[in-house]
Amino acid sequence: MLILQIFWRMFVVVLIIQIGIFPFTLLLPNTPELIAWLPTVYHGITGIVMLLTGLLSRRGLIGLVKPQGIVMPASIWPRIDRYFSIVFLLLAISNACFVVFGTESQWVRFSVLIPFPYIVICTVIVSLMVSRDIMRIEREGA
């Protein structure tokens, strides 16, 4: 259940950030190079925003999304933001590497097949890490 709740919150945050960026990209000319670099920009900005909120906020960006059912110590939410900032910055770096060093067909295969499964796998890993952190905090507090 924790995995689904964290994934849902992360999805809402990413959707809000990318909806805020997307309209401005429609003003740019549609060249193949620009289209290839857009996921790098999207993932990079998402990673930077999540890193900054994870470092500067008490609840973090993902902690601000309020579906019912999760009770966690407040110190966990910024960690989740920092974990996901690493995930999105790695996506941005890997997309940039495919744009620079790969062919167009390799970039298309990467951008279609890799990001969603990567985010799902990282959500499971982050949820396991958070569960471990929650158990550690409960042991220290009890």
N, C-alpha and C. Protein backbone atom coordinates (compact mmCIF):
# COMPACT_ATOMS: atom_id res chain seq x y z
N MET A 1 0.82 -1.19 0.00
CA MET A 1 0.00 0.00 0.00
C MET A 1 0.86 1.26 0.00
N LEU A 2 1.99 1.23 0.74
CA LEU A 2 2.90 2.36 0.80
C LEU A 2 3.46 2.66 -0.59
N ILE A 3 3.78 1.61 -1.35
CA ILE A 3 4.33 1.79 -2.69
C ILE A 3 3.33 2.53 -3.56
N LEU A 4 2.06 2.13 -3.53
CA LEU A 4 1.05 2.79 -4.35
C LEU A 4 0.83 4.24 -3.93
N GLN A 5 0.82 4.50 -2.63
CA GLN A 5 0.63 5.86 -2.15
C GLN A 5 1.79 6.76 -2.56
N ILE A 6 3.01 6.29 -2.42
CA ILE A 6 4.18 7.09 -2.82
C ILE A 6 4.18 7.28 -4.32
N PHE A 7 3.87 6.21 -5.08
CA PHE A 7 3.84 6.34 -6.53
C PHE A 7 2.78 7.35 -6.96
N TRP A 8 1.61 7.31 -6.35
CA TRP A 8 0.54 8.25 -6.69
C TRP A 8 0.97 9.69 -6.41
N ARG A 9 1.55 9.91 -5.25
CA ARG A 9 2.01 11.26 -4.90
C ARG A 9 3.09 11.74 -5.85
N MET A 10 4.04 10.87 -6.16
CA MET A 10 5.11 11.24 -7.07
C MET A 10 4.55 11.55 -8.45
N PHE A 11 3.58 10.77 -8.90
CA PHE A 11 2.95 10.98 -10.20
C PHE A 11 2.27 12.35 -10.26
N VAL A 12 1.55 12.71 -9.22
CA VAL A 12 0.87 14.01 -9.18
C VAL A 12 1.87 15.15 -9.22
N VAL A 13 2.94 15.04 -8.45
CA VAL A 13 3.96 16.09 -8.43
C VAL A 13 4.61 16.24 -9.79
N VAL A 14 5.01 15.13 -10.40
CA VAL A 14 5.65 15.19 -11.72
C VAL A 14 4.69 15.75 -12.76
N LEU A 15 3.45 15.36 -12.70
CA LEU A 15 2.45 15.86 -13.63
C LEU A 15 2.28 17.37 -13.50
N ILE A 16 2.22 17.86 -12.28
CA ILE A 16 2.08 19.30 -12.07
C ILE A 16 3.30 20.05 -12.58
N ILE A 17 4.49 19.56 -12.29
CA ILE A 17 5.71 20.23 -12.75
C ILE A 17 5.77 20.23 -14.27
N GLN A 18 5.48 19.09 -14.90
CA GLN A 18 5.62 19.02 -16.34
C GLN A 18 4.49 19.74 -17.06
N ILE A 19 3.31 19.84 -16.47
CA ILE A 19 2.25 20.65 -17.07
C ILE A 19 2.64 22.12 -17.00
N GLY A 20 3.38 22.50 -15.97
CA GLY A 20 3.86 23.87 -15.88
C GLY A 20 4.93 24.19 -16.91
N ILE A 21 5.68 23.20 -17.36
CA ILE A 21 6.75 23.42 -18.34
C ILE A 21 6.25 23.27 -19.77
N PHE A 22 5.37 22.33 -20.02
CA PHE A 22 4.98 21.94 -21.38
C PHE A 22 4.46 23.09 -22.25
N PRO A 23 3.58 23.95 -21.77
CA PRO A 23 3.08 25.01 -22.67
C PRO A 23 4.17 25.90 -23.25
N PHE A 24 5.23 26.11 -22.50
CA PHE A 24 6.31 26.96 -22.99
C PHE A 24 7.10 26.27 -24.10
N THR A 25 7.13 24.95 -24.10
CA THR A 25 7.85 24.24 -25.15
C THR A 25 7.10 24.28 -26.48
N LEU A 26 5.80 24.54 -26.44
CA LEU A 26 5.05 24.65 -27.69
C LEU A 26 5.40 25.91 -28.46
N LEU A 27 6.01 26.88 -27.80
CA LEU A 27 6.42 28.11 -28.45
C LEU A 27 7.72 27.95 -29.22
N LEU A 28 8.44 26.87 -28.94
CA LEU A 28 9.73 26.63 -29.58
C LEU A 28 9.53 25.93 -30.92
N PRO A 29 10.47 26.09 -31.86
CA PRO A 29 10.34 25.39 -33.14
C PRO A 29 10.48 23.88 -32.95
N ASN A 30 9.73 23.12 -33.72
CA ASN A 30 9.76 21.65 -33.61
C ASN A 30 10.84 21.08 -34.51
N THR A 31 12.04 21.02 -33.99
CA THR A 31 13.14 20.37 -34.70
C THR A 31 13.44 19.04 -34.01
N PRO A 32 13.99 18.09 -34.73
CA PRO A 32 14.30 16.79 -34.11
C PRO A 32 15.26 16.92 -32.91
N GLU A 33 16.21 17.84 -33.01
CA GLU A 33 17.16 18.02 -31.91
C GLU A 33 16.45 18.54 -30.65
N LEU A 34 15.55 19.48 -30.84
CA LEU A 34 14.83 20.03 -29.70
C LEU A 34 13.92 18.97 -29.08
N ILE A 35 13.24 18.22 -29.89
CA ILE A 35 12.36 17.16 -29.38
C ILE A 35 13.17 16.13 -28.60
N ALA A 36 14.38 15.83 -29.06
CA ALA A 36 15.23 14.87 -28.35
C ALA A 36 15.70 15.43 -27.01
N TRP A 37 15.92 16.74 -26.91
CA TRP A 37 16.40 17.33 -25.67
C TRP A 37 15.30 17.63 -24.66
N LEU A 38 14.04 17.67 -25.08
CA LEU A 38 12.95 18.02 -24.16
C LEU A 38 12.83 17.08 -22.96
N PRO A 39 12.93 15.75 -23.12
CA PRO A 39 12.88 14.90 -21.92
C PRO A 39 14.01 15.20 -20.94
N THR A 40 15.19 15.57 -21.46
CA THR A 40 16.28 15.94 -20.58
C THR A 40 15.90 17.17 -19.75
N VAL A 41 15.29 18.14 -20.42
CA VAL A 41 14.87 19.36 -19.71
C VAL A 41 13.77 19.03 -18.70
N TYR A 42 12.76 18.26 -19.12
CA TYR A 42 11.67 17.90 -18.21
C TYR A 42 12.19 17.17 -16.97
N HIS A 43 12.99 16.12 -17.20
CA HIS A 43 13.49 15.34 -16.07
C HIS A 43 14.47 16.15 -15.23
N GLY A 44 15.28 16.96 -15.88
CA GLY A 44 16.23 17.78 -15.13
C GLY A 44 15.55 18.79 -14.24
N ILE A 45 14.56 19.50 -14.76
CA ILE A 45 13.83 20.48 -13.95
C ILE A 45 13.09 19.78 -12.82
N THR A 46 12.46 18.65 -13.12
CA THR A 46 11.75 17.89 -12.07
C THR A 46 12.73 17.46 -10.98
N GLY A 47 13.89 16.96 -11.36
CA GLY A 47 14.89 16.55 -10.38
C GLY A 47 15.40 17.70 -9.54
N ILE A 48 15.64 18.84 -10.17
CA ILE A 48 16.14 20.01 -9.44
C ILE A 48 15.09 20.54 -8.47
N VAL A 49 13.83 20.64 -8.94
CA VAL A 49 12.75 21.11 -8.06
C VAL A 49 12.58 20.18 -6.87
N MET A 50 12.62 18.88 -7.11
CA MET A 50 12.45 17.92 -6.01
C MET A 50 13.66 17.96 -5.07
N LEU A 51 14.85 18.17 -5.61
CA LEU A 51 16.03 18.26 -4.76
C LEU A 51 15.94 19.50 -3.87
N LEU A 52 15.58 20.62 -4.45
CA LEU A 52 15.47 21.85 -3.66
C LEU A 52 14.39 21.76 -2.59
N THR A 53 13.23 21.21 -2.95
CA THR A 53 12.18 21.09 -1.93
C THR A 53 12.56 20.05 -0.87
N GLY A 54 13.30 19.03 -1.28
CA GLY A 54 13.75 18.04 -0.30
C GLY A 54 14.78 18.60 0.66
N LEU A 55 15.55 19.57 0.19
CA LEU A 55 16.56 20.17 1.06
C LEU A 55 16.02 21.34 1.87
N LEU A 56 15.06 22.08 1.31
CA LEU A 56 14.62 23.33 1.93
C LEU A 56 13.29 23.25 2.67
N SER A 57 12.51 22.20 2.44
CA SER A 57 11.17 22.13 3.00
C SER A 57 11.10 21.07 4.10
N ARG A 58 10.21 21.29 5.05
CA ARG A 58 10.03 20.30 6.11
C ARG A 58 9.20 19.11 5.64
N ARG A 59 8.24 19.34 4.74
CA ARG A 59 7.37 18.26 4.26
C ARG A 59 7.79 17.74 2.90
N GLY A 60 8.54 18.50 2.16
CA GLY A 60 8.89 18.08 0.82
C GLY A 60 7.73 18.23 -0.14
N LEU A 61 7.99 18.17 -1.39
CA LEU A 61 6.97 18.35 -2.41
C LEU A 61 6.00 17.17 -2.45
N ILE A 62 6.52 15.96 -2.35
CA ILE A 62 5.65 14.78 -2.38
C ILE A 62 4.81 14.71 -1.11
N GLY A 63 5.32 15.21 -0.01
CA GLY A 63 4.57 15.22 1.23
C GLY A 63 3.41 16.20 1.22
N LEU A 64 3.41 17.15 0.28
CA LEU A 64 2.32 18.12 0.21
C LEU A 64 1.08 17.58 -0.48
N VAL A 65 1.25 16.55 -1.31
CA VAL A 65 0.10 15.91 -1.96
C VAL A 65 -0.60 15.09 -0.88
N LYS A 66 -1.91 15.24 -0.73
CA LYS A 66 -2.59 14.74 0.45
C LYS A 66 -3.60 13.63 0.19
N PRO A 67 -3.26 12.48 -0.35
CA PRO A 67 -4.22 11.39 -0.31
C PRO A 67 -4.28 10.82 1.10
N GLN A 68 -5.37 10.20 1.42
CA GLN A 68 -5.57 9.67 2.76
C GLN A 68 -4.77 8.38 2.95
N GLY A 69 -4.44 8.09 4.19
CA GLY A 69 -3.95 6.76 4.51
C GLY A 69 -2.49 6.63 4.86
N ILE A 70 -1.65 7.64 4.65
CA ILE A 70 -0.24 7.50 4.99
C ILE A 70 0.04 8.30 6.25
N VAL A 71 0.58 7.61 7.26
CA VAL A 71 1.03 8.29 8.46
C VAL A 71 2.52 8.00 8.57
N MET A 72 3.33 9.06 8.43
CA MET A 72 4.77 8.92 8.49
C MET A 72 5.35 10.06 9.30
N PRO A 73 6.51 9.84 9.88
CA PRO A 73 7.20 10.96 10.52
C PRO A 73 7.51 12.05 9.48
N ALA A 74 7.47 13.29 9.91
CA ALA A 74 7.68 14.41 8.99
C ALA A 74 9.06 14.40 8.36
N SER A 75 10.04 13.81 9.01
CA SER A 75 11.40 13.81 8.47
C SER A 75 11.56 12.88 7.26
N ILE A 76 10.60 12.00 7.03
CA ILE A 76 10.70 11.05 5.92
C ILE A 76 10.40 11.74 4.58
N TRP A 77 9.45 12.68 4.57
CA TRP A 77 9.02 13.27 3.30
C TRP A 77 10.14 13.96 2.53
N PRO A 78 10.99 14.77 3.16
CA PRO A 78 12.09 15.35 2.39
C PRO A 78 13.06 14.31 1.84
N ARG A 79 13.23 13.20 2.56
CA ARG A 79 14.08 12.12 2.05
C ARG A 79 13.52 11.54 0.77
N ILE A 80 12.20 11.37 0.73
CA ILE A 80 11.56 10.83 -0.48
C ILE A 80 11.82 11.77 -1.65
N ASP A 81 11.69 13.07 -1.41
CA ASP A 81 11.98 14.03 -2.47
C ASP A 81 13.42 13.93 -2.93
N ARG A 82 14.35 13.80 -2.00
CA ARG A 82 15.76 13.69 -2.39
C ARG A 82 16.02 12.40 -3.16
N TYR A 83 15.40 11.30 -2.74
CA TYR A 83 15.57 10.05 -3.48
C TYR A 83 15.06 10.19 -4.91
N PHE A 84 13.87 10.76 -5.05
CA PHE A 84 13.31 10.90 -6.40
C PHE A 84 14.04 11.95 -7.22
N SER A 85 14.65 12.93 -6.59
CA SER A 85 15.44 13.89 -7.36
C SER A 85 16.62 13.18 -8.02
N ILE A 86 17.22 12.24 -7.31
CA ILE A 86 18.31 11.45 -7.90
C ILE A 86 17.80 10.63 -9.08
N VAL A 87 16.61 10.05 -8.93
CA VAL A 87 16.02 9.25 -10.00
C VAL A 87 15.83 10.10 -11.26
N PHE A 88 15.25 11.28 -11.10
CA PHE A 88 14.97 12.12 -12.27
C PHE A 88 16.24 12.75 -12.84
N LEU A 89 17.20 13.07 -12.01
CA LEU A 89 18.46 13.59 -12.55
C LEU A 89 19.21 12.51 -13.32
N LEU A 90 19.14 11.27 -12.87
CA LEU A 90 19.75 10.17 -13.63
C LEU A 90 19.04 9.95 -14.96
N LEU A 91 17.71 10.10 -14.97
CA LEU A 91 16.97 10.01 -16.23
C LEU A 91 17.39 11.12 -17.19
N ALA A 92 17.56 12.33 -16.66
CA ALA A 92 17.98 13.45 -17.50
C ALA A 92 19.37 13.21 -18.08
N ILE A 93 20.28 12.73 -17.25
CA ILE A 93 21.65 12.47 -17.71
C ILE A 93 21.67 11.36 -18.74
N SER A 94 20.91 10.29 -18.50
CA SER A 94 20.91 9.18 -19.46
C SER A 94 20.27 9.60 -20.78
N ASN A 95 19.21 10.42 -20.74
CA ASN A 95 18.62 10.91 -21.99
C ASN A 95 19.62 11.77 -22.75
N ALA A 96 20.33 12.63 -22.03
CA ALA A 96 21.34 13.47 -22.68
C ALA A 96 22.43 12.62 -23.33
N CYS A 97 22.83 11.55 -22.66
CA CYS A 97 23.85 10.66 -23.23
C CYS A 97 23.35 9.99 -24.51
N PHE A 98 22.08 9.57 -24.52
CA PHE A 98 21.53 8.96 -25.73
C PHE A 98 21.41 9.98 -26.85
N VAL A 99 21.08 11.22 -26.53
CA VAL A 99 20.97 12.25 -27.56
C VAL A 99 22.34 12.55 -28.16
N VAL A 100 23.35 12.66 -27.31
CA VAL A 100 24.67 13.04 -27.78
C VAL A 100 25.41 11.89 -28.44
N PHE A 101 25.38 10.72 -27.81
CA PHE A 101 26.22 9.62 -28.27
C PHE A 101 25.49 8.55 -29.07
N GLY A 102 24.17 8.51 -29.02
CA GLY A 102 23.43 7.47 -29.71
C GLY A 102 22.82 7.95 -31.02
N THR A 103 22.26 7.03 -31.74
CA THR A 103 21.54 7.38 -32.96
C THR A 103 20.12 7.77 -32.60
N GLU A 104 19.41 8.30 -33.58
CA GLU A 104 18.03 8.70 -33.34
C GLU A 104 17.15 7.50 -32.99
N SER A 105 17.36 6.37 -33.66
CA SER A 105 16.55 5.19 -33.36
C SER A 105 16.85 4.65 -31.97
N GLN A 106 18.10 4.72 -31.52
CA GLN A 106 18.43 4.30 -30.16
C GLN A 106 17.75 5.22 -29.14
N TRP A 107 17.77 6.53 -29.41
CA TRP A 107 17.13 7.48 -28.50
C TRP A 107 15.63 7.22 -28.43
N VAL A 108 15.00 6.95 -29.58
CA VAL A 108 13.56 6.69 -29.60
C VAL A 108 13.24 5.44 -28.78
N ARG A 109 14.01 4.38 -28.97
CA ARG A 109 13.78 3.16 -28.19
C ARG A 109 13.97 3.42 -26.70
N PHE A 110 15.01 4.16 -26.36
CA PHE A 110 15.25 4.48 -24.96
C PHE A 110 14.09 5.30 -24.38
N SER A 111 13.69 6.36 -25.07
CA SER A 111 12.69 7.26 -24.51
C SER A 111 11.30 6.63 -24.45
N VAL A 112 11.04 5.63 -25.29
CA VAL A 112 9.74 4.97 -25.25
C VAL A 112 9.72 3.84 -24.23
N LEU A 113 10.81 3.09 -24.12
CA LEU A 113 10.79 1.87 -23.32
C LEU A 113 11.35 2.00 -21.91
N ILE A 114 12.21 2.95 -21.62
CA ILE A 114 12.94 2.95 -20.36
C ILE A 114 12.33 3.79 -19.24
N PRO A 115 11.91 5.04 -19.45
CA PRO A 115 11.56 5.89 -18.30
C PRO A 115 10.45 5.35 -17.39
N PHE A 116 9.35 4.88 -17.92
CA PHE A 116 8.26 4.43 -17.05
C PHE A 116 8.65 3.21 -16.21
N PRO A 117 9.19 2.13 -16.80
CA PRO A 117 9.61 1.01 -15.94
C PRO A 117 10.68 1.41 -14.94
N TYR A 118 11.59 2.29 -15.33
CA TYR A 118 12.64 2.78 -14.43
C TYR A 118 12.02 3.50 -13.23
N ILE A 119 11.03 4.35 -13.48
CA ILE A 119 10.37 5.08 -12.40
C ILE A 119 9.61 4.12 -11.49
N VAL A 120 8.95 3.12 -12.07
CA VAL A 120 8.22 2.15 -11.25
C VAL A 120 9.19 1.35 -10.37
N ILE A 121 10.28 0.88 -10.94
CA ILE A 121 11.28 0.13 -10.17
C ILE A 121 11.88 1.00 -9.08
N CYS A 122 12.19 2.25 -9.41
CA CYS A 122 12.75 3.15 -8.40
C CYS A 122 11.73 3.48 -7.33
N THR A 123 10.45 3.52 -7.66
CA THR A 123 9.41 3.74 -6.65
C THR A 123 9.39 2.59 -5.66
N VAL A 124 9.51 1.38 -6.16
CA VAL A 124 9.55 0.21 -5.27
C VAL A 124 10.78 0.29 -4.37
N ILE A 125 11.92 0.62 -4.94
CA ILE A 125 13.16 0.72 -4.15
C ILE A 125 13.04 1.82 -3.11
N VAL A 126 12.54 3.00 -3.51
CA VAL A 126 12.38 4.11 -2.57
C VAL A 126 11.40 3.73 -1.47
N SER A 127 10.32 3.04 -1.82
CA SER A 127 9.35 2.62 -0.81
C SER A 127 9.98 1.66 0.19
N LEU A 128 10.81 0.76 -0.28
CA LEU A 128 11.51 -0.16 0.63
C LEU A 128 12.48 0.60 1.53
N MET A 129 13.19 1.57 0.96
CA MET A 129 14.11 2.38 1.76
C MET A 129 13.35 3.19 2.80
N VAL A 130 12.21 3.76 2.40
CA VAL A 130 11.40 4.54 3.33
C VAL A 130 10.84 3.64 4.43
N SER A 131 10.40 2.43 4.07
CA SER A 131 9.90 1.50 5.08
C SER A 131 10.98 1.17 6.09
N ARG A 132 12.19 0.98 5.61
CA ARG A 132 13.32 0.72 6.50
C ARG A 132 13.57 1.92 7.41
N ASP A 133 13.51 3.14 6.84
CA ASP A 133 13.70 4.35 7.64
C ASP A 133 12.60 4.50 8.69
N ILE A 134 11.36 4.20 8.32
CA ILE A 134 10.25 4.30 9.27
C ILE A 134 10.44 3.31 10.42
N MET A 135 10.83 2.08 10.10
CA MET A 135 11.06 1.08 11.15
C MET A 135 12.21 1.50 12.07
N ARG A 136 13.26 2.08 11.50
CA ARG A 136 14.39 2.54 12.30
C ARG A 136 13.97 3.68 13.23
N ILE A 137 13.19 4.62 12.72
CA ILE A 137 12.72 5.74 13.54
C ILE A 137 11.79 5.25 14.64
N GLU A 138 10.93 4.29 14.32
CA GLU A 138 10.03 3.74 15.35
C GLU A 138 10.80 3.01 16.43
N ARG A 139 11.87 2.29 16.05
CA ARG A 139 12.69 1.58 17.05
C ARG A 139 13.40 2.58 17.97
N GLU A 140 13.92 3.66 17.35
CA GLU A 140 14.64 4.66 18.15
C GLU A 140 13.69 5.41 19.08
N GLY A 141 12.45 5.64 18.60
CA GLY A 141 11.48 6.38 19.41
C GLY A 141 10.84 5.53 20.49
N ALA A 142 10.78 4.22 20.28
CA ALA A 142 10.09 3.34 21.24
C ALA A 142 10.98 2.90 22.37
